[in-house]
Amino acid sequence: MTLVDSNASPKANDGPPGTGKVVLVVDDDPTICKWLTRLLEILDYTVLATDDSSAAEAILGDSHVDAVILDLRLGEERSGLDVLEFIRGRSELAKLPVVLLTGIARMTEDEQASIRRHGAHLFHKPASVSELHATLARAFAG
């Protein structure tokens, strides 16, 4: 199932983080998708959301996206790290800011190494609007 915000725009935005930039949210939990969508809208982001890794890859191929927030463990055959590898493997997406979302306290060494190798940022849920804003600002800054 793919949820696409009706305010989504394919146009690029060069303003500061939050000024209408398009963020793709990928999480298998609809409650988390809704929570993140609300937080991001408060911060003036345009949100595209999906609960499926294949749909995320299709959105990334078809739409302009300024950043991705991706659940580390999607609850399906493919993980968020698989989607991260897809993103980094495509030249047009290789520099896309990616934030990996997790609710777990301990990640495996392989997960940690993959996050570092691919230059993704980590965001622990649940968190506040200001924490989400700070994480995205770091991701946009590189």
C-alpha atoms as a PDB file:
ATOM      1  CA  MET A   1       0.000   0.000   0.000  1.00  0.00           C
ATOM      2  CA  THR A   2       1.349   3.407  -0.937  1.00  0.00           C
ATOM      3  CA  LEU A   3       0.121   6.585   0.665  1.00  0.00           C
ATOM      4  CA  VAL A   4       0.963   9.741  -1.254  1.00  0.00           C
ATOM      5  CA  ASP A   5       0.308  13.153   0.239  1.00  0.00           C
ATOM      6  CA  SER A   6      -1.963  15.259  -1.938  1.00  0.00           C
ATOM      7  CA  ASN A   7       0.351  18.251  -1.458  1.00  0.00           C
ATOM      8  CA  ALA A   8       3.291  16.398  -3.008  1.00  0.00           C
ATOM      9  CA  SER A   9       5.114  18.292  -5.695  1.00  0.00           C
ATOM     10  CA  PRO A  10       7.697  17.001  -8.145  1.00  0.00           C
ATOM     11  CA  LYS A  11       9.549  20.350  -8.101  1.00  0.00           C
ATOM     12  CA  ALA A  12      12.972  20.681  -6.502  1.00  0.00           C
ATOM     13  CA  ASN A  13      13.309  23.159  -3.645  1.00  0.00           C
ATOM     14  CA  ASP A  14      16.610  24.831  -2.833  1.00  0.00           C
ATOM     15  CA  GLY A  15      15.387  26.489   0.378  1.00  0.00           C
ATOM     16  CA  PRO A  16      16.436  25.548   3.888  1.00  0.00           C
ATOM     17  CA  PRO A  17      15.360  22.176   5.298  1.00  0.00           C
ATOM     18  CA  GLY A  18      11.620  22.042   5.677  1.00  0.00           C
ATOM     19  CA  THR A  19      10.701  24.715   3.163  1.00  0.00           C
ATOM     20  CA  GLY A  20       8.526  22.453   1.043  1.00  0.00           C
ATOM     21  CA  LYS A  21      11.240  19.868   0.427  1.00  0.00           C
ATOM     22  CA  VAL A  22       9.914  16.424  -0.458  1.00  0.00           C
ATOM     23  CA  VAL A  23      10.628  13.624   2.014  1.00  0.00           C
ATOM     24  CA  LEU A  24       9.818   9.992   1.298  1.00  0.00           C
ATOM     25  CA  VAL A  25       8.859   8.041   4.438  1.00  0.00           C
ATOM     26  CA  VAL A  26       9.166   4.236   4.263  1.00  0.00           C
ATOM     27  CA  ASP A  27       7.837   2.308   7.267  1.00  0.00           C
ATOM     28  CA  ASP A  28       5.732  -0.854   7.494  1.00  0.00           C
ATOM     29  CA  ASP A  29       3.848   0.503  10.531  1.00  0.00           C
ATOM     30  CA  PRO A  30       0.965   2.788   9.422  1.00  0.00           C
ATOM     31  CA  THR A  31       0.957   4.506  12.817  1.00  0.00           C
ATOM     32  CA  ILE A  32       4.613   5.473  12.414  1.00  0.00           C
ATOM     33  CA  CYS A  33       3.971   6.677   8.847  1.00  0.00           C
ATOM     34  CA  LYS A  34       1.143   8.911  10.076  1.00  0.00           C
ATOM     35  CA  TRP A  35       3.209  10.160  13.044  1.00  0.00           C
ATOM     36  CA  LEU A  36       6.184  11.028  10.833  1.00  0.00           C
ATOM     37  CA  THR A  37       3.942  12.633   8.227  1.00  0.00           C
ATOM     38  CA  ARG A  38       2.413  14.910  10.889  1.00  0.00           C
ATOM     39  CA  LEU A  39       5.828  15.837  12.314  1.00  0.00           C
ATOM     40  CA  LEU A  40       7.263  16.545   8.885  1.00  0.00           C
ATOM     41  CA  GLU A  41       4.260  18.642   7.865  1.00  0.00           C
ATOM     42  CA  ILE A  42       4.697  20.706  11.056  1.00  0.00           C
ATOM     43  CA  LEU A  43       8.248  21.346   9.829  1.00  0.00           C
ATOM     44  CA  ASP A  44       6.894  22.379   6.390  1.00  0.00           C
ATOM     45  CA  TYR A  45       8.022  19.325   4.427  1.00  0.00           C
ATOM     46  CA  THR A  46       5.958  17.725   1.678  1.00  0.00           C
ATOM     47  CA  VAL A  47       5.577  14.020   2.445  1.00  0.00           C
ATOM     48  CA  LEU A  48       5.306  10.914   0.305  1.00  0.00           C
ATOM     49  CA  ALA A  49       4.810   7.737   2.342  1.00  0.00           C
ATOM     50  CA  THR A  50       4.751   4.020   1.695  1.00  0.00           C
ATOM     51  CA  ASP A  51       4.856   0.835   3.732  1.00  0.00           C
ATOM     52  CA  ASP A  52       6.612  -1.210   1.029  1.00  0.00           C
ATOM     53  CA  SER A  53      10.237  -1.298  -0.164  1.00  0.00           C
ATOM     54  CA  SER A  54       9.316  -2.008  -3.798  1.00  0.00           C
ATOM     55  CA  ALA A  55       6.898   0.916  -3.834  1.00  0.00           C
ATOM     56  CA  ALA A  56       9.628   3.108  -2.306  1.00  0.00           C
ATOM     57  CA  GLU A  57      11.998   2.191  -5.117  1.00  0.00           C
ATOM     58  CA  ALA A  58       9.291   2.972  -7.686  1.00  0.00           C
ATOM     59  CA  ILE A  59       8.620   6.369  -6.080  1.00  0.00           C
ATOM     60  CA  LEU A  60      12.352   7.124  -6.090  1.00  0.00           C
ATOM     61  CA  GLY A  61      12.467   6.288  -9.794  1.00  0.00           C
ATOM     62  CA  ASP A  62       9.370   8.303 -10.728  1.00  0.00           C
ATOM     63  CA  SER A  63       9.272  11.324  -8.401  1.00  0.00           C
ATOM     64  CA  HIS A  64      11.545  14.070  -7.189  1.00  0.00           C
ATOM     65  CA  VAL A  65      12.532  13.370  -3.581  1.00  0.00           C
ATOM     66  CA  ASP A  66      14.852  15.562  -1.479  1.00  0.00           C
ATOM     67  CA  ALA A  67      15.407  13.038   1.349  1.00  0.00           C
ATOM     68  CA  VAL A  68      14.308   9.600   2.574  1.00  0.00           C
ATOM     69  CA  ILE A  69      13.354   8.456   6.064  1.00  0.00           C
ATOM     70  CA  LEU A  70      13.578   4.696   6.065  1.00  0.00           C
ATOM     71  CA  ASP A  71      12.688   2.124   8.713  1.00  0.00           C
ATOM     72  CA  LEU A  72      15.688  -0.086   9.443  1.00  0.00           C
ATOM     73  CA  ARG A  73      13.566  -3.214   9.820  1.00  0.00           C
ATOM     74  CA  LEU A  74      10.627  -3.148   7.460  1.00  0.00           C
ATOM     75  CA  GLY A  75       8.983  -6.397   8.539  1.00  0.00           C
ATOM     76  CA  GLU A  76       9.177  -7.892   5.067  1.00  0.00           C
ATOM     77  CA  GLU A  77      11.779  -9.879   3.152  1.00  0.00           C
ATOM     78  CA  ARG A  78      13.778  -6.742   2.443  1.00  0.00           C
ATOM     79  CA  SER A  79      15.124  -4.400   5.089  1.00  0.00           C
ATOM     80  CA  GLY A  80      15.669  -0.681   5.089  1.00  0.00           C
ATOM     81  CA  LEU A  81      19.328  -1.419   4.471  1.00  0.00           C
ATOM     82  CA  ASP A  82      18.367  -3.126   1.205  1.00  0.00           C
ATOM     83  CA  VAL A  83      16.564   0.040   0.109  1.00  0.00           C
ATOM     84  CA  LEU A  84      19.556   2.115   1.245  1.00  0.00           C
ATOM     85  CA  GLU A  85      21.821  -0.029  -0.958  1.00  0.00           C
ATOM     86  CA  PHE A  86      19.389   0.479  -3.871  1.00  0.00           C
ATOM     87  CA  ILE A  87      19.597   4.252  -3.337  1.00  0.00           C
ATOM     88  CA  ARG A  88      23.388   4.341  -3.105  1.00  0.00           C
ATOM     89  CA  GLY A  89      23.680   2.062  -6.137  1.00  0.00           C
ATOM     90  CA  ARG A  90      21.958   4.542  -8.458  1.00  0.00           C
ATOM     91  CA  SER A  91      24.101   7.458  -9.562  1.00  0.00           C
ATOM     92  CA  GLU A  92      21.170   9.903  -9.636  1.00  0.00           C
ATOM     93  CA  LEU A  93      20.282   9.025  -6.010  1.00  0.00           C
ATOM     94  CA  ALA A  94      23.747   8.362  -4.571  1.00  0.00           C
ATOM     95  CA  LYS A  95      23.942  11.694  -2.717  1.00  0.00           C
ATOM     96  CA  LEU A  96      20.315  11.669  -1.531  1.00  0.00           C
ATOM     97  CA  PRO A  97      20.120  12.332   2.224  1.00  0.00           C
ATOM     98  CA  VAL A  98      18.880   9.200   4.010  1.00  0.00           C
ATOM     99  CA  VAL A  99      17.780   8.872   7.622  1.00  0.00           C
ATOM    100  CA  LEU A 100      17.384   5.355   8.981  1.00  0.00           C
ATOM    101  CA  LEU A 101      14.685   5.052  11.603  1.00  0.00           C
ATOM    102  CA  THR A 102      14.849   2.511  14.400  1.00  0.00           C
ATOM    103  CA  GLY A 103      13.061   1.719  17.601  1.00  0.00           C
ATOM    104  CA  ILE A 104      15.646  -0.830  18.725  1.00  0.00           C
ATOM    105  CA  ALA A 105      18.337  -0.068  21.273  1.00  0.00           C
ATOM    106  CA  ARG A 106      20.967  -2.392  19.814  1.00  0.00           C
ATOM    107  CA  MET A 107      21.753  -2.931  16.194  1.00  0.00           C
ATOM    108  CA  THR A 108      23.963  -5.656  14.800  1.00  0.00           C
ATOM    109  CA  GLU A 109      27.551  -4.792  13.889  1.00  0.00           C
ATOM    110  CA  ASP A 110      26.672  -5.407  10.226  1.00  0.00           C
ATOM    111  CA  GLU A 111      23.782  -2.918  10.431  1.00  0.00           C
ATOM    112  CA  GLN A 112      26.000  -0.288  12.058  1.00  0.00           C
ATOM    113  CA  ALA A 113      28.753  -0.824   9.474  1.00  0.00           C
ATOM    114  CA  SER A 114      26.290  -0.551   6.588  1.00  0.00           C
ATOM    115  CA  ILE A 115      24.829   2.697   7.939  1.00  0.00           C
ATOM    116  CA  ARG A 116      28.325   4.212   8.240  1.00  0.00           C
ATOM    117  CA  ARG A 117      29.463   2.889   4.850  1.00  0.00           C
ATOM    118  CA  HIS A 118      26.464   4.399   3.080  1.00  0.00           C
ATOM    119  CA  GLY A 119      26.607   7.734   4.905  1.00  0.00           C
ATOM    120  CA  ALA A 120      23.105   7.481   6.365  1.00  0.00           C
ATOM    121  CA  HIS A 121      21.944   9.188   9.542  1.00  0.00           C
ATOM    122  CA  LEU A 122      20.278   7.357  12.418  1.00  0.00           C
ATOM    123  CA  PHE A 123      17.070   8.502  14.119  1.00  0.00           C
ATOM    124  CA  HIS A 124      15.685   6.694  17.168  1.00  0.00           C
ATOM    125  CA  LYS A 125      11.919   6.596  17.584  1.00  0.00           C
ATOM    126  CA  PRO A 126       9.973   7.885  19.301  1.00  0.00           C
ATOM    127  CA  ALA A 127      11.377  11.403  19.266  1.00  0.00           C
ATOM    128  CA  SER A 128      10.275  14.998  19.278  1.00  0.00           C
ATOM    129  CA  VAL A 129       9.728  17.396  16.388  1.00  0.00           C
ATOM    130  CA  SER A 130      12.961  19.200  17.285  1.00  0.00           C
ATOM    131  CA  GLU A 131      14.954  15.936  17.260  1.00  0.00           C
ATOM    132  CA  LEU A 132      13.539  15.025  13.851  1.00  0.00           C
ATOM    133  CA  HIS A 133      14.316  18.514  12.533  1.00  0.00           C
ATOM    134  CA  ALA A 134      17.907  18.336  13.838  1.00  0.00           C
ATOM    135  CA  THR A 135      18.451  14.889  12.278  1.00  0.00           C
ATOM    136  CA  LEU A 136      17.139  16.035   8.896  1.00  0.00           C
ATOM    137  CA  ALA A 137      19.226  19.211   9.061  1.00  0.00           C
ATOM    138  CA  ARG A 138      22.350  17.063   9.616  1.00  0.00           C
ATOM    139  CA  ALA A 139      21.339  14.796   6.726  1.00  0.00           C
ATOM    140  CA  PHE A 140      20.828  17.754   4.371  1.00  0.00           C
ATOM    141  CA  ALA A 141      24.159  19.244   5.466  1.00  0.00           C
ATOM    142  CA  GLY A 142      25.874  15.998   4.474  1.00  0.00           C
END
